[in-house]
Amino acid sequence: MASISPKYIAATIVASVLSILAGLSLWQFIAPALQPESPPAVMTAQQAVAAKALAVGSQRPLFSLADVDGVVHSIDEWDGKLLVVNFWATWCPPCLAEIPGFIKLQSEYGDRGLQFIGVALDNAENVRKFADEHKMNYPSLQGQAEAIEIGKTYGNRYGALPFTVIISPQSKVLKTHAGILEFDEAKELIEKFLANS
């Protein structure tokens, strides 16, 4: 049986030690990615916008989307009004449950400077059909992936529907609300914000 030379043994030990050290160095970079997510020390620009949008008093982000007729509208078209921007979809039962109340509130407070804007995560045909059947008296813009991204910039990080943002006539975020915004709560908020604007 051939004997193993001391040089071979030494080289093998050195190679093993170097491999272990390289593995440990690599682990220092990989391990943080495997840990549960924690707030990042450095945020991306989009994360910064989303985080800022959650703060009452922050400037509302700009966005543009097409309506059901394909006409593109920018959110700044309604500057100077109290805006209630509602993210919804025709396939979302809680969204559909709150819309009749929004229609009523638009009728009641529209002449005092209130403007509801729908942002539908849906296609134009579905939105048009629903709007016609329910006589929606406020515009609903529509998009799918793009509307989801807009929702994120307004603080809807998890894609909840419905999701509502109230914006002052001065384009400042006054409130964000995930889930159904009940009629009585919506009316109370609208009266409060109209009185203060």
C-alpha atoms as a PDB file:
ATOM      1  CA  MET A   1       0.000   0.000   0.000  1.00  0.00           C
ATOM      2  CA  ALA A   2       1.447   3.355  -1.012  1.00  0.00           C
ATOM      3  CA  SER A   3       2.028   5.869   1.745  1.00  0.00           C
ATOM      4  CA  ILE A   4       0.659   9.408   1.613  1.00  0.00           C
ATOM      5  CA  SER A   5       3.339  12.036   1.585  1.00  0.00           C
ATOM      6  CA  PRO A   6       3.476  14.677   4.317  1.00  0.00           C
ATOM      7  CA  LYS A   7       3.345  17.404   1.639  1.00  0.00           C
ATOM      8  CA  TYR A   8       0.051  16.009   0.313  1.00  0.00           C
ATOM      9  CA  ILE A   9      -1.415  15.908   3.846  1.00  0.00           C
ATOM     10  CA  ALA A  10      -0.288  19.495   4.516  1.00  0.00           C
ATOM     11  CA  ALA A  11      -1.707  20.701   1.206  1.00  0.00           C
ATOM     12  CA  THR A  12      -5.014  18.948   1.924  1.00  0.00           C
ATOM     13  CA  ILE A  13      -5.237  20.554   5.380  1.00  0.00           C
ATOM     14  CA  VAL A  14      -4.436  24.011   4.002  1.00  0.00           C
ATOM     15  CA  ALA A  15      -7.048  23.587   1.231  1.00  0.00           C
ATOM     16  CA  SER A  16      -9.655  22.458   3.778  1.00  0.00           C
ATOM     17  CA  VAL A  17      -8.955  25.419   6.066  1.00  0.00           C
ATOM     18  CA  LEU A  18      -9.186  27.842   3.135  1.00  0.00           C
ATOM     19  CA  SER A  19     -12.487  26.263   2.050  1.00  0.00           C
ATOM     20  CA  ILE A  20     -13.913  26.647   5.563  1.00  0.00           C
ATOM     21  CA  LEU A  21     -12.799  30.288   5.730  1.00  0.00           C
ATOM     22  CA  ALA A  22     -14.296  31.000   2.300  1.00  0.00           C
ATOM     23  CA  GLY A  23     -17.542  29.332   3.384  1.00  0.00           C
ATOM     24  CA  LEU A  24     -17.684  31.429   6.552  1.00  0.00           C
ATOM     25  CA  SER A  25     -17.080  34.618   4.554  1.00  0.00           C
ATOM     26  CA  LEU A  26     -19.846  33.685   2.104  1.00  0.00           C
ATOM     27  CA  TRP A  27     -22.197  32.858   4.992  1.00  0.00           C
ATOM     28  CA  GLN A  28     -21.800  36.390   6.334  1.00  0.00           C
ATOM     29  CA  PHE A  29     -23.405  37.659   3.121  1.00  0.00           C
ATOM     30  CA  ILE A  30     -26.038  34.917   2.750  1.00  0.00           C
ATOM     31  CA  ALA A  31     -27.238  34.614   6.355  1.00  0.00           C
ATOM     32  CA  PRO A  32     -28.951  38.040   6.544  1.00  0.00           C
ATOM     33  CA  ALA A  33     -31.051  37.189   3.502  1.00  0.00           C
ATOM     34  CA  LEU A  34     -32.296  34.039   5.241  1.00  0.00           C
ATOM     35  CA  GLN A  35     -33.338  35.880   8.400  1.00  0.00           C
ATOM     36  CA  PRO A  36     -36.930  37.077   8.901  1.00  0.00           C
ATOM     37  CA  GLU A  37     -37.466  40.390   7.139  1.00  0.00           C
ATOM     38  CA  SER A  38     -36.749  43.412   9.262  1.00  0.00           C
ATOM     39  CA  PRO A  39     -37.097  47.094   8.402  1.00  0.00           C
ATOM     40  CA  PRO A  40     -34.345  47.931   5.909  1.00  0.00           C
ATOM     41  CA  ALA A  41     -31.697  50.414   6.933  1.00  0.00           C
ATOM     42  CA  VAL A  42     -31.677  51.753   3.371  1.00  0.00           C
ATOM     43  CA  MET A  43     -35.004  51.832   1.509  1.00  0.00           C
ATOM     44  CA  THR A  44     -35.553  51.872  -2.217  1.00  0.00           C
ATOM     45  CA  ALA A  45     -37.139  55.002  -3.645  1.00  0.00           C
ATOM     46  CA  GLN A  46     -40.471  53.180  -4.027  1.00  0.00           C
ATOM     47  CA  GLN A  47     -40.370  51.926  -0.418  1.00  0.00           C
ATOM     48  CA  ALA A  48     -39.598  55.448   0.744  1.00  0.00           C
ATOM     49  CA  VAL A  49     -42.603  56.825  -1.146  1.00  0.00           C
ATOM     50  CA  ALA A  50     -44.879  54.112   0.275  1.00  0.00           C
ATOM     51  CA  ALA A  51     -43.646  54.686   3.827  1.00  0.00           C
ATOM     52  CA  LYS A  52     -44.022  58.453   3.465  1.00  0.00           C
ATOM     53  CA  ALA A  53     -47.517  58.086   2.029  1.00  0.00           C
ATOM     54  CA  LEU A  54     -48.650  56.476   5.275  1.00  0.00           C
ATOM     55  CA  ALA A  55     -47.871  59.634   7.212  1.00  0.00           C
ATOM     56  CA  VAL A  56     -50.740  62.064   7.634  1.00  0.00           C
ATOM     57  CA  GLY A  57     -49.775  65.358   6.058  1.00  0.00           C
ATOM     58  CA  SER A  58     -47.458  63.914   3.409  1.00  0.00           C
ATOM     59  CA  GLN A  59     -47.779  65.015  -0.220  1.00  0.00           C
ATOM     60  CA  ARG A  60     -49.932  62.680  -2.291  1.00  0.00           C
ATOM     61  CA  PRO A  61     -47.995  60.904  -5.060  1.00  0.00           C
ATOM     62  CA  LEU A  62     -48.866  61.790  -8.634  1.00  0.00           C
ATOM     63  CA  PHE A  63     -50.300  59.158 -10.940  1.00  0.00           C
ATOM     64  CA  SER A  64     -52.185  58.881 -14.226  1.00  0.00           C
ATOM     65  CA  LEU A  65     -54.578  56.166 -15.404  1.00  0.00           C
ATOM     66  CA  ALA A  66     -57.150  55.786 -18.145  1.00  0.00           C
ATOM     67  CA  ASP A  67     -60.889  55.857 -17.531  1.00  0.00           C
ATOM     68  CA  VAL A  68     -63.243  53.281 -19.096  1.00  0.00           C
ATOM     69  CA  ASP A  69     -63.234  55.248 -22.366  1.00  0.00           C
ATOM     70  CA  GLY A  70     -59.446  55.185 -22.599  1.00  0.00           C
ATOM     71  CA  VAL A  71     -59.020  58.859 -21.666  1.00  0.00           C
ATOM     72  CA  VAL A  72     -55.986  59.297 -19.408  1.00  0.00           C
ATOM     73  CA  HIS A  73     -56.482  61.374 -16.266  1.00  0.00           C
ATOM     74  CA  SER A  74     -53.934  62.619 -13.740  1.00  0.00           C
ATOM     75  CA  ILE A  75     -54.792  62.826 -10.047  1.00  0.00           C
ATOM     76  CA  ASP A  76     -53.787  66.504 -10.081  1.00  0.00           C
ATOM     77  CA  GLU A  77     -56.856  67.281 -12.242  1.00  0.00           C
ATOM     78  CA  TRP A  78     -58.816  67.282  -8.989  1.00  0.00           C
ATOM     79  CA  ASP A  79     -56.445  69.441  -6.941  1.00  0.00           C
ATOM     80  CA  GLY A  80     -58.415  71.899  -4.814  1.00  0.00           C
ATOM     81  CA  LYS A  81     -61.060  69.307  -3.888  1.00  0.00           C
ATOM     82  CA  LEU A  82     -61.334  66.937  -0.960  1.00  0.00           C
ATOM     83  CA  LEU A  83     -60.540  63.645  -2.684  1.00  0.00           C
ATOM     84  CA  VAL A  84     -61.592  60.176  -1.625  1.00  0.00           C
ATOM     85  CA  VAL A  85     -59.518  57.785  -3.748  1.00  0.00           C
ATOM     86  CA  ASN A  86     -60.926  54.274  -3.531  1.00  0.00           C
ATOM     87  CA  PHE A  87     -59.030  51.238  -4.829  1.00  0.00           C
ATOM     88  CA  TRP A  88     -61.540  48.538  -5.756  1.00  0.00           C
ATOM     89  CA  ALA A  89     -62.440  45.756  -8.209  1.00  0.00           C
ATOM     90  CA  THR A  90     -65.665  44.299  -9.576  1.00  0.00           C
ATOM     91  CA  TRP A  91     -64.617  40.850  -8.297  1.00  0.00           C
ATOM     92  CA  CYS A  92     -64.218  42.145  -4.704  1.00  0.00           C
ATOM     93  CA  PRO A  93     -67.503  41.767  -2.705  1.00  0.00           C
ATOM     94  CA  PRO A  94     -66.453  44.145   0.133  1.00  0.00           C
ATOM     95  CA  CYS A  95     -65.608  46.781  -2.488  1.00  0.00           C
ATOM     96  CA  LEU A  96     -69.037  46.479  -4.070  1.00  0.00           C
ATOM     97  CA  ALA A  97     -70.706  46.708  -0.660  1.00  0.00           C
ATOM     98  CA  GLU A  98     -69.283  50.175   0.075  1.00  0.00           C
ATOM     99  CA  ILE A  99     -69.832  51.772  -3.347  1.00  0.00           C
ATOM    100  CA  PRO A 100     -73.577  52.581  -2.918  1.00  0.00           C
ATOM    101  CA  GLY A 101     -72.647  54.641   0.141  1.00  0.00           C
ATOM    102  CA  PHE A 102     -69.933  56.425  -1.815  1.00  0.00           C
ATOM    103  CA  ILE A 103     -72.443  57.257  -4.559  1.00  0.00           C
ATOM    104  CA  LYS A 104     -74.765  58.750  -1.933  1.00  0.00           C
ATOM    105  CA  LEU A 105     -71.947  60.757  -0.319  1.00  0.00           C
ATOM    106  CA  GLN A 106     -70.811  62.102  -3.705  1.00  0.00           C
ATOM    107  CA  SER A 107     -74.356  63.324  -4.347  1.00  0.00           C
ATOM    108  CA  GLU A 108     -74.647  64.875  -0.903  1.00  0.00           C
ATOM    109  CA  TYR A 109     -71.255  66.604  -0.663  1.00  0.00           C
ATOM    110  CA  GLY A 110     -70.119  67.053  -4.282  1.00  0.00           C
ATOM    111  CA  ASP A 111     -71.228  70.672  -4.419  1.00  0.00           C
ATOM    112  CA  ARG A 112     -69.179  71.383  -1.274  1.00  0.00           C
ATOM    113  CA  GLY A 113     -65.922  70.297  -2.913  1.00  0.00           C
ATOM    114  CA  LEU A 114     -65.919  66.511  -2.389  1.00  0.00           C
ATOM    115  CA  GLN A 115     -64.738  64.265  -5.208  1.00  0.00           C
ATOM    116  CA  PHE A 116     -64.644  60.471  -5.118  1.00  0.00           C
ATOM    117  CA  ILE A 117     -62.236  58.812  -7.561  1.00  0.00           C
ATOM    118  CA  GLY A 118     -62.314  55.069  -8.130  1.00  0.00           C
ATOM    119  CA  VAL A 119     -59.141  53.211  -9.061  1.00  0.00           C
ATOM    120  CA  ALA A 120     -60.264  49.820 -10.311  1.00  0.00           C
ATOM    121  CA  LEU A 121     -57.880  46.857 -10.413  1.00  0.00           C
ATOM    122  CA  ASP A 122     -59.909  45.549 -13.293  1.00  0.00           C
ATOM    123  CA  ASN A 123     -60.498  45.853 -17.014  1.00  0.00           C
ATOM    124  CA  ALA A 124     -62.460  48.655 -18.639  1.00  0.00           C
ATOM    125  CA  GLU A 125     -65.369  46.459 -19.767  1.00  0.00           C
ATOM    126  CA  ASN A 126     -66.079  45.154 -16.242  1.00  0.00           C
ATOM    127  CA  VAL A 127     -65.767  48.618 -14.717  1.00  0.00           C
ATOM    128  CA  ARG A 128     -68.029  50.240 -17.338  1.00  0.00           C
ATOM    129  CA  LYS A 129     -70.715  47.565 -16.885  1.00  0.00           C
ATOM    130  CA  PHE A 130     -70.712  47.925 -13.096  1.00  0.00           C
ATOM    131  CA  ALA A 131     -70.666  51.747 -13.237  1.00  0.00           C
ATOM    132  CA  ASP A 132     -73.607  51.797 -15.638  1.00  0.00           C
ATOM    133  CA  GLU A 133     -75.663  49.277 -13.665  1.00  0.00           C
ATOM    134  CA  HIS A 134     -75.120  51.091 -10.361  1.00  0.00           C
ATOM    135  CA  LYS A 135     -75.225  54.630 -11.764  1.00  0.00           C
ATOM    136  CA  MET A 136     -71.826  55.577 -10.346  1.00  0.00           C
ATOM    137  CA  ASN A 137     -71.712  59.364 -10.201  1.00  0.00           C
ATOM    138  CA  TYR A 138     -67.929  59.650  -9.903  1.00  0.00           C
ATOM    139  CA  PRO A 139     -65.109  58.659 -12.257  1.00  0.00           C
ATOM    140  CA  SER A 140     -63.386  55.319 -11.988  1.00  0.00           C
ATOM    141  CA  LEU A 141     -59.961  54.985 -13.524  1.00  0.00           C
ATOM    142  CA  GLN A 142     -58.790  51.499 -14.294  1.00  0.00           C
ATOM    143  CA  GLY A 143     -55.673  49.434 -14.626  1.00  0.00           C
ATOM    144  CA  GLN A 144     -54.394  46.150 -13.347  1.00  0.00           C
ATOM    145  CA  ALA A 145     -50.697  45.762 -12.520  1.00  0.00           C
ATOM    146  CA  GLU A 146     -50.281  49.533 -12.789  1.00  0.00           C
ATOM    147  CA  ALA A 147     -53.149  50.193 -10.370  1.00  0.00           C
ATOM    148  CA  ILE A 148     -51.597  47.767  -7.871  1.00  0.00           C
ATOM    149  CA  GLU A 149     -48.311  49.688  -8.027  1.00  0.00           C
ATOM    150  CA  ILE A 150     -50.142  52.993  -7.535  1.00  0.00           C
ATOM    151  CA  GLY A 151     -51.839  51.503  -4.468  1.00  0.00           C
ATOM    152  CA  LYS A 152     -48.428  50.603  -3.063  1.00  0.00           C
ATOM    153  CA  THR A 153     -47.208  54.176  -3.466  1.00  0.00           C
ATOM    154  CA  TYR A 154     -50.213  55.252  -1.406  1.00  0.00           C
ATOM    155  CA  GLY A 155     -49.283  52.860   1.404  1.00  0.00           C
ATOM    156  CA  ASN A 156     -51.229  49.738   0.393  1.00  0.00           C
ATOM    157  CA  ARG A 157     -48.195  47.466   0.728  1.00  0.00           C
ATOM    158  CA  TYR A 158     -50.160  44.230   0.903  1.00  0.00           C
ATOM    159  CA  GLY A 159     -52.630  44.856  -1.913  1.00  0.00           C
ATOM    160  CA  ALA A 160     -55.699  44.964   0.363  1.00  0.00           C
ATOM    161  CA  LEU A 161     -59.049  45.694  -1.277  1.00  0.00           C
ATOM    162  CA  PRO A 162     -60.877  47.882  -0.775  1.00  0.00           C
ATOM    163  CA  PHE A 163     -58.318  50.540   0.140  1.00  0.00           C
ATOM    164  CA  THR A 164     -59.223  54.201   0.522  1.00  0.00           C
ATOM    165  CA  VAL A 165     -57.123  57.356   0.768  1.00  0.00           C
ATOM    166  CA  ILE A 166     -58.532  60.764   1.709  1.00  0.00           C
ATOM    167  CA  ILE A 167     -56.566  63.710   0.313  1.00  0.00           C
ATOM    168  CA  SER A 168     -56.956  67.374   1.252  1.00  0.00           C
ATOM    169  CA  PRO A 169     -57.624  70.172  -1.259  1.00  0.00           C
ATOM    170  CA  GLN A 170     -53.954  71.055  -0.692  1.00  0.00           C
ATOM    171  CA  SER A 171     -52.939  67.548  -1.938  1.00  0.00           C
ATOM    172  CA  LYS A 172     -51.930  66.227   1.491  1.00  0.00           C
ATOM    173  CA  VAL A 173     -52.771  62.724   2.685  1.00  0.00           C
ATOM    174  CA  LEU A 174     -55.336  63.004   5.494  1.00  0.00           C
ATOM    175  CA  LYS A 175     -56.152  59.320   6.048  1.00  0.00           C
ATOM    176  CA  THR A 176     -55.587  55.836   4.623  1.00  0.00           C
ATOM    177  CA  HIS A 177     -58.000  53.003   5.327  1.00  0.00           C
ATOM    178  CA  ALA A 178     -57.711  49.300   4.432  1.00  0.00           C
ATOM    179  CA  GLY A 179     -60.977  47.351   4.270  1.00  0.00           C
ATOM    180  CA  ILE A 180     -64.556  48.546   4.056  1.00  0.00           C
ATOM    181  CA  LEU A 181     -65.028  52.208   4.914  1.00  0.00           C
ATOM    182  CA  GLU A 182     -68.465  52.113   6.495  1.00  0.00           C
ATOM    183  CA  PHE A 183     -70.955  54.805   5.424  1.00  0.00           C
ATOM    184  CA  ASP A 184     -71.244  56.481   8.850  1.00  0.00           C
ATOM    185  CA  GLU A 185     -67.457  56.637   9.312  1.00  0.00           C
ATOM    186  CA  ALA A 186     -66.952  57.944   5.784  1.00  0.00           C
ATOM    187  CA  LYS A 187     -69.594  60.643   6.289  1.00  0.00           C
ATOM    188  CA  GLU A 188     -68.081  61.707   9.609  1.00  0.00           C
ATOM    189  CA  LEU A 189     -64.583  61.966   8.061  1.00  0.00           C
ATOM    190  CA  ILE A 190     -65.866  63.904   5.049  1.00  0.00           C
ATOM    191  CA  GLU A 191     -67.732  66.416   7.208  1.00  0.00           C
ATOM    192  CA  LYS A 192     -64.713  66.852   9.464  1.00  0.00           C
ATOM    193  CA  PHE A 193     -62.251  67.348   6.600  1.00  0.00           C
ATOM    194  CA  LEU A 194     -64.570  69.641   4.622  1.00  0.00           C
ATOM    195  CA  ALA A 195     -65.041  71.803   7.724  1.00  0.00           C
ATOM    196  CA  ASN A 196     -61.265  72.075   8.151  1.00  0.00           C
ATOM    197  CA  SER A 197     -60.367  72.723   4.493  1.00  0.00           C
END
